[in-house]
Amino acid sequence: MAIVVALLLAFFVLPSPWGVVAVVLGAAWEVGEAWFMIRWTQRHRAQVGVEALLGRTAKVVVACEPRGQVAVSGERWQAECAGGAAVGDEVVVQGIDGLVLRVERAPAASA
């Protein structure tokens, strides 16, 4: 966008030497912005697949006795907890069987 503005200024508004300066500055701005955006998007790799869920903490939304539902990163999943878990409990994803998460209660935080 900056290069378009610079070109319009160079052709229609600015006198001879300043038009070239506007185009060069606009081009430099565009290159800098592109470099920044590329670096920004490569900071964090996308986490997808089963491996991304293992070890994550989830919150029980439907009691797991032994089957229920948990919320992981805003998504609801069917879950199975051998020891059982009540609504609101924190659990940790230990494994996945098809579309069912195998979870265990999260260790209690020491005060």
Protein backbone atom coordinates (compact mmCIF):
# COMPACT_ATOMS: atom_id res chain seq x y z
CA MET A 1 0.00 0.00 0.00
CA ALA A 2 2.85 2.41 0.81
CA ILE A 3 4.36 1.96 -2.63
CA VAL A 4 1.05 2.84 -4.30
CA VAL A 5 0.77 6.04 -2.27
CA ALA A 6 4.40 6.87 -3.03
CA LEU A 7 3.85 6.36 -6.76
CA LEU A 8 0.74 8.53 -6.77
CA LEU A 9 2.59 11.28 -4.90
CA ALA A 10 5.59 11.00 -7.22
CA PHE A 11 3.51 11.33 -10.38
CA PHE A 12 0.87 13.86 -9.35
CA VAL A 13 1.96 15.93 -6.36
CA LEU A 14 5.68 16.09 -5.60
CA PRO A 15 8.29 18.00 -7.61
CA SER A 16 11.07 16.13 -9.44
CA PRO A 17 13.64 15.16 -6.79
CA TRP A 18 11.07 14.47 -4.05
CA GLY A 19 9.07 12.07 -6.20
CA VAL A 20 12.04 9.72 -6.42
CA VAL A 21 12.58 10.00 -2.66
CA ALA A 22 8.91 9.12 -2.02
CA VAL A 23 9.12 6.06 -4.29
CA VAL A 24 12.34 4.83 -2.65
CA LEU A 25 10.92 5.33 0.86
CA GLY A 26 7.66 3.61 -0.10
CA ALA A 27 9.54 0.65 -1.57
CA ALA A 28 11.76 0.42 1.52
CA TRP A 29 8.67 0.48 3.74
CA GLU A 30 7.03 -2.33 1.75
CA VAL A 31 10.17 -4.50 1.87
CA GLY A 32 10.56 -3.90 5.61
CA GLU A 33 6.92 -4.68 6.26
CA ALA A 34 7.10 -7.90 4.23
CA TRP A 35 10.27 -8.98 6.08
CA PHE A 36 8.64 -8.26 9.45
CA MET A 37 5.48 -10.18 8.60
CA ILE A 38 7.42 -13.21 7.35
CA ARG A 39 9.49 -13.27 10.55
CA TRP A 40 6.35 -12.83 12.67
CA THR A 41 4.52 -15.76 11.06
CA GLN A 42 7.51 -18.08 11.43
CA ARG A 43 7.91 -17.48 15.17
CA HIS A 44 5.57 -20.30 16.12
CA ARG A 45 5.18 -23.48 14.15
CA ALA A 46 1.67 -24.79 13.78
CA GLN A 47 0.92 -27.60 16.20
CA VAL A 48 -1.38 -30.14 14.63
CA GLY A 49 -2.15 -33.79 15.01
CA VAL A 50 -2.35 -36.15 17.92
CA GLU A 51 1.08 -35.22 19.27
CA ALA A 52 -0.05 -31.65 19.90
CA LEU A 53 -2.65 -32.83 22.45
CA LEU A 54 -0.48 -35.18 24.51
CA GLY A 55 0.46 -33.66 27.85
CA ARG A 56 -1.98 -30.76 27.50
CA THR A 57 -4.17 -29.74 30.41
CA ALA A 58 -7.92 -29.92 29.91
CA LYS A 59 -10.97 -28.97 31.97
CA VAL A 60 -13.77 -31.47 32.52
CA VAL A 61 -17.10 -30.13 31.20
CA VAL A 62 -19.16 -33.35 31.49
CA ALA A 63 -18.23 -35.64 34.39
CA CYS A 64 -15.93 -38.50 33.37
CA GLU A 65 -17.33 -41.57 35.13
CA PRO A 66 -15.37 -43.05 33.31
CA ARG A 67 -16.54 -41.37 30.06
CA GLY A 68 -17.36 -37.69 29.66
CA GLN A 69 -16.20 -34.57 27.88
CA VAL A 70 -13.25 -32.23 28.34
CA ALA A 71 -12.32 -28.87 26.83
CA VAL A 72 -8.81 -28.53 25.40
CA SER A 73 -7.88 -25.15 23.89
CA GLY A 74 -11.54 -24.27 23.42
CA GLU A 75 -12.45 -27.59 21.76
CA ARG A 76 -14.67 -30.23 23.33
CA TRP A 77 -13.48 -33.82 23.16
CA GLN A 78 -14.91 -37.12 24.35
CA ALA A 79 -12.70 -38.33 27.17
CA GLU A 80 -12.18 -41.34 29.36
CA CYS A 81 -10.71 -41.10 32.85
CA ALA A 82 -10.15 -44.40 34.65
CA GLY A 83 -10.13 -42.72 38.07
CA GLY A 84 -13.11 -40.52 37.30
CA ALA A 85 -13.21 -36.74 37.29
CA ALA A 86 -15.91 -34.24 38.23
CA VAL A 87 -17.00 -31.18 36.28
CA GLY A 88 -14.42 -28.41 36.63
CA ASP A 89 -11.51 -30.74 37.46
CA GLU A 90 -8.22 -30.29 35.65
CA VAL A 91 -7.00 -33.35 33.77
CA VAL A 92 -3.94 -34.12 31.63
CA VAL A 93 -4.18 -35.83 28.24
CA GLN A 94 -2.18 -39.08 28.41
CA GLY A 95 -3.20 -40.70 25.13
CA ILE A 96 -5.70 -40.81 22.32
CA ASP A 97 -7.78 -43.73 21.08
CA GLY A 98 -9.58 -42.74 17.88
CA LEU A 99 -11.49 -39.60 18.85
CA VAL A 100 -11.49 -40.31 22.59
CA LEU A 101 -8.87 -38.74 24.82
CA ARG A 102 -7.42 -40.84 27.64
CA VAL A 103 -6.97 -38.47 30.58
CA GLU A 104 -5.78 -38.55 34.19
CA ARG A 105 -6.42 -36.09 36.96
CA ALA A 106 -3.84 -33.34 37.07
CA PRO A 107 -1.58 -33.45 40.11
CA ALA A 108 -2.76 -31.05 42.82
CA ALA A 109 -0.79 -27.80 42.88
CA SER A 110 1.20 -27.43 46.11
CA ALA A 111 0.52 -24.18 47.96
